[in-house]
């Protein structure tokens, strides 16, 4: 429980209370406006408590996540089955970009178009009309 009393968590608790009280107060204000004849305010009177409920939901989810603590990583790759409740996070794969080899293509239009694209890439500020070819 001490994890929930750090300065960052105290700020989260205060923010949650302020938001929930503010959203519920706005909902009450919309109910008073709706009762005086503004029919659109009925929709807002329902909307603000939903926002308050969402804030409580996110806060509760973060509390549960913090109390669970960091997941223990398996020591070897194949020793345990993945937990279905925890989403798998994988590192992105970096692939070296290697230009495709040009084997004297049979299409002259394709060769000219590739020269044009190479020129555009070499001259980033140029317009297509500036192409000398």
C-alpha atoms as a PDB file:
ATOM      1  CA  UNK A   1       0.000   0.000   0.000  1.00  0.00           C
ATOM      2  CA  UNK A   2       2.974   2.334   0.440  1.00  0.00           C
ATOM      3  CA  UNK A   3       3.264   2.463  -3.347  1.00  0.00           C
ATOM      4  CA  UNK A   4       0.012   4.437  -3.442  1.00  0.00           C
ATOM      5  CA  UNK A   5       1.304   7.181  -1.122  1.00  0.00           C
ATOM      6  CA  UNK A   6       4.180   8.532  -3.189  1.00  0.00           C
ATOM      7  CA  UNK A   7       3.988  12.202  -4.236  1.00  0.00           C
ATOM      8  CA  UNK A   8       2.959  11.189  -7.771  1.00  0.00           C
ATOM      9  CA  UNK A   9       0.143   8.996  -6.454  1.00  0.00           C
ATOM     10  CA  UNK A  10      -1.040  11.649  -4.017  1.00  0.00           C
ATOM     11  CA  UNK A  11      -1.315  14.019  -6.997  1.00  0.00           C
ATOM     12  CA  UNK A  12      -3.318  11.349  -8.871  1.00  0.00           C
ATOM     13  CA  UNK A  13      -5.660  10.831  -5.923  1.00  0.00           C
ATOM     14  CA  UNK A  14      -6.230  14.580  -5.584  1.00  0.00           C
ATOM     15  CA  UNK A  15      -6.781  14.942  -9.339  1.00  0.00           C
ATOM     16  CA  UNK A  16      -9.296  12.093  -9.286  1.00  0.00           C
ATOM     17  CA  UNK A  17     -11.257  13.628  -6.410  1.00  0.00           C
ATOM     18  CA  UNK A  18     -11.221  17.106  -7.982  1.00  0.00           C
ATOM     19  CA  UNK A  19     -12.342  15.778 -11.371  1.00  0.00           C
ATOM     20  CA  UNK A  20     -15.103  13.577  -9.966  1.00  0.00           C
ATOM     21  CA  UNK A  21     -16.474  16.334  -7.714  1.00  0.00           C
ATOM     22  CA  UNK A  22     -16.231  18.846 -10.572  1.00  0.00           C
ATOM     23  CA  UNK A  23     -17.950  16.555 -13.071  1.00  0.00           C
ATOM     24  CA  UNK A  24     -20.739  15.720 -10.643  1.00  0.00           C
ATOM     25  CA  UNK A  25     -21.190  19.429  -9.851  1.00  0.00           C
ATOM     26  CA  UNK A  26     -21.432  20.165 -13.573  1.00  0.00           C
ATOM     27  CA  UNK A  27     -24.021  17.398 -13.893  1.00  0.00           C
ATOM     28  CA  UNK A  28     -26.057  18.919 -11.054  1.00  0.00           C
ATOM     29  CA  UNK A  29     -25.802  22.341 -12.711  1.00  0.00           C
ATOM     30  CA  UNK A  30     -27.096  20.849 -15.975  1.00  0.00           C
ATOM     31  CA  UNK A  31     -30.007  19.238 -14.120  1.00  0.00           C
ATOM     32  CA  UNK A  32     -30.961  22.637 -12.702  1.00  0.00           C
ATOM     33  CA  UNK A  33     -30.769  24.167 -16.188  1.00  0.00           C
ATOM     34  CA  UNK A  34     -32.833  21.328 -17.651  1.00  0.00           C
ATOM     35  CA  UNK A  35     -35.468  21.739 -14.955  1.00  0.00           C
ATOM     36  CA  UNK A  36     -35.810  25.410 -15.907  1.00  0.00           C
ATOM     37  CA  UNK A  37     -36.704  24.527 -19.502  1.00  0.00           C
ATOM     38  CA  UNK A  38     -33.459  23.902 -21.411  1.00  0.00           C
ATOM     39  CA  UNK A  39     -34.120  20.475 -22.948  1.00  0.00           C
ATOM     40  CA  UNK A  40     -30.586  20.040 -24.337  1.00  0.00           C
ATOM     41  CA  UNK A  41     -29.258  20.130 -20.783  1.00  0.00           C
ATOM     42  CA  UNK A  42     -30.828  16.733 -20.062  1.00  0.00           C
ATOM     43  CA  UNK A  43     -28.214  15.137 -22.319  1.00  0.00           C
ATOM     44  CA  UNK A  44     -25.416  16.991 -20.537  1.00  0.00           C
ATOM     45  CA  UNK A  45     -26.896  16.060 -17.165  1.00  0.00           C
ATOM     46  CA  UNK A  46     -26.364  12.412 -18.110  1.00  0.00           C
ATOM     47  CA  UNK A  47     -22.993  13.014 -19.769  1.00  0.00           C
ATOM     48  CA  UNK A  48     -21.133  14.580 -16.819  1.00  0.00           C
ATOM     49  CA  UNK A  49     -21.700  11.672 -14.400  1.00  0.00           C
ATOM     50  CA  UNK A  50     -20.486   9.306 -17.143  1.00  0.00           C
ATOM     51  CA  UNK A  51     -17.267  11.341 -17.333  1.00  0.00           C
ATOM     52  CA  UNK A  52     -16.930  11.074 -13.546  1.00  0.00           C
ATOM     53  CA  UNK A  53     -17.417   7.318 -13.754  1.00  0.00           C
ATOM     54  CA  UNK A  54     -14.732   7.086 -16.427  1.00  0.00           C
ATOM     55  CA  UNK A  55     -12.273   8.972 -14.204  1.00  0.00           C
ATOM     56  CA  UNK A  56     -12.990   6.553 -11.345  1.00  0.00           C
ATOM     57  CA  UNK A  57     -12.582   3.590 -13.723  1.00  0.00           C
ATOM     58  CA  UNK A  58      -9.169   4.767 -14.969  1.00  0.00           C
ATOM     59  CA  UNK A  59      -8.020   5.594 -11.433  1.00  0.00           C
ATOM     60  CA  UNK A  60      -9.096   2.169 -10.139  1.00  0.00           C
ATOM     61  CA  UNK A  61      -7.412   0.391 -13.054  1.00  0.00           C
ATOM     62  CA  UNK A  62      -4.153   2.236 -12.380  1.00  0.00           C
ATOM     63  CA  UNK A  63      -4.360   1.427  -8.653  1.00  0.00           C
ATOM     64  CA  UNK A  64      -4.818  -2.277  -9.408  1.00  0.00           C
ATOM     65  CA  UNK A  65      -1.959  -2.203 -11.926  1.00  0.00           C
ATOM     66  CA  UNK A  66       0.347  -0.560  -9.383  1.00  0.00           C
ATOM     67  CA  UNK A  67      -0.578  -2.960  -6.592  1.00  0.00           C
ATOM     68  CA  UNK A  68       0.156  -5.975  -8.793  1.00  0.00           C
ATOM     69  CA  UNK A  69       3.714  -4.741  -9.235  1.00  0.00           C
ATOM     70  CA  UNK A  70       6.026  -5.476 -12.120  1.00  0.00           C
ATOM     71  CA  UNK A  71       5.529  -8.830 -13.766  1.00  0.00           C
ATOM     72  CA  UNK A  72       8.339 -11.280 -13.140  1.00  0.00           C
ATOM     73  CA  UNK A  73      10.118 -12.058 -16.383  1.00  0.00           C
ATOM     74  CA  UNK A  74      10.667 -15.755 -17.122  1.00  0.00           C
ATOM     75  CA  UNK A  75      14.317 -16.745 -16.803  1.00  0.00           C
ATOM     76  CA  UNK A  76      14.308 -18.822 -19.964  1.00  0.00           C
ATOM     77  CA  UNK A  77      12.266 -18.412 -23.077  1.00  0.00           C
ATOM     78  CA  UNK A  78      10.341 -21.676 -23.018  1.00  0.00           C
ATOM     79  CA  UNK A  79       9.861 -22.336 -19.300  1.00  0.00           C
ATOM     80  CA  UNK A  80       6.378 -20.852 -18.815  1.00  0.00           C
ATOM     81  CA  UNK A  81       3.270 -20.303 -20.863  1.00  0.00           C
ATOM     82  CA  UNK A  82       2.307 -16.642 -21.318  1.00  0.00           C
ATOM     83  CA  UNK A  83      -0.358 -15.305 -18.994  1.00  0.00           C
ATOM     84  CA  UNK A  84      -3.518 -14.670 -21.072  1.00  0.00           C
ATOM     85  CA  UNK A  85      -4.454 -11.694 -18.870  1.00  0.00           C
ATOM     86  CA  UNK A  86      -1.246  -9.782 -19.615  1.00  0.00           C
ATOM     87  CA  UNK A  87      -0.757  -8.415 -23.130  1.00  0.00           C
ATOM     88  CA  UNK A  88       2.481  -9.419 -24.800  1.00  0.00           C
ATOM     89  CA  UNK A  89       4.807  -6.525 -25.441  1.00  0.00           C
ATOM     90  CA  UNK A  90       7.463  -7.177 -27.992  1.00  0.00           C
ATOM     91  CA  UNK A  91      10.405  -5.123 -29.091  1.00  0.00           C
ATOM     92  CA  UNK A  92      10.287  -3.706 -32.598  1.00  0.00           C
ATOM     93  CA  UNK A  93      12.440  -5.505 -35.102  1.00  0.00           C
ATOM     94  CA  UNK A  94      15.010  -3.367 -36.845  1.00  0.00           C
ATOM     95  CA  UNK A  95      15.710  -4.324 -40.408  1.00  0.00           C
ATOM     96  CA  UNK A  96      18.521  -2.832 -42.415  1.00  0.00           C
ATOM     97  CA  UNK A  97      17.274  -1.204 -45.584  1.00  0.00           C
ATOM     98  CA  UNK A  98      19.252  -2.575 -48.476  1.00  0.00           C
ATOM     99  CA  UNK A  99      18.543  -1.201 -51.934  1.00  0.00           C
ATOM    100  CA  UNK A 100      17.264  -3.788 -54.352  1.00  0.00           C
ATOM    101  CA  UNK A 101      19.822  -4.793 -56.964  1.00  0.00           C
ATOM    102  CA  UNK A 102      19.170  -3.431 -60.421  1.00  0.00           C
ATOM    103  CA  UNK A 103      19.595  -6.154 -63.031  1.00  0.00           C
ATOM    104  CA  UNK A 104      19.255  -4.054 -66.199  1.00  0.00           C
ATOM    105  CA  UNK A 105      15.465  -3.966 -66.391  1.00  0.00           C
ATOM    106  CA  UNK A 106      13.835  -4.556 -69.747  1.00  0.00           C
ATOM    107  CA  UNK A 107      11.434  -1.641 -69.286  1.00  0.00           C
ATOM    108  CA  UNK A 108      12.913   1.702 -70.386  1.00  0.00           C
ATOM    109  CA  UNK A 109      10.025   3.659 -68.831  1.00  0.00           C
ATOM    110  CA  UNK A 110      10.652   2.017 -65.480  1.00  0.00           C
ATOM    111  CA  UNK A 111      14.352   2.857 -65.685  1.00  0.00           C
ATOM    112  CA  UNK A 112      13.583   6.510 -66.485  1.00  0.00           C
ATOM    113  CA  UNK A 113      11.017   6.703 -63.682  1.00  0.00           C
ATOM    114  CA  UNK A 114      13.543   5.296 -61.207  1.00  0.00           C
ATOM    115  CA  UNK A 115      16.086   7.914 -62.327  1.00  0.00           C
ATOM    116  CA  UNK A 116      13.439  10.585 -61.781  1.00  0.00           C
ATOM    117  CA  UNK A 117      12.676   9.294 -58.274  1.00  0.00           C
ATOM    118  CA  UNK A 118      16.401   9.162 -57.464  1.00  0.00           C
ATOM    119  CA  UNK A 119      16.757  12.772 -58.596  1.00  0.00           C
ATOM    120  CA  UNK A 120      13.775  13.849 -56.485  1.00  0.00           C
ATOM    121  CA  UNK A 121      15.269  12.078 -53.480  1.00  0.00           C
ATOM    122  CA  UNK A 122      18.645  13.782 -54.030  1.00  0.00           C
ATOM    123  CA  UNK A 123      16.981  17.219 -54.385  1.00  0.00           C
ATOM    124  CA  UNK A 124      14.378  17.404 -51.595  1.00  0.00           C
ATOM    125  CA  UNK A 125      13.447  21.058 -52.178  1.00  0.00           C
ATOM    126  CA  UNK A 126      13.035  20.699 -55.941  1.00  0.00           C
ATOM    127  CA  UNK A 127       9.715  20.641 -57.745  1.00  0.00           C
ATOM    128  CA  UNK A 128       8.913  17.957 -60.317  1.00  0.00           C
ATOM    129  CA  UNK A 129       9.060  20.613 -63.045  1.00  0.00           C
ATOM    130  CA  UNK A 130      12.731  21.269 -62.204  1.00  0.00           C
ATOM    131  CA  UNK A 131      13.763  17.778 -63.323  1.00  0.00           C
ATOM    132  CA  UNK A 132      16.437  18.209 -66.015  1.00  0.00           C
ATOM    133  CA  UNK A 133      15.730  14.904 -67.735  1.00  0.00           C
END
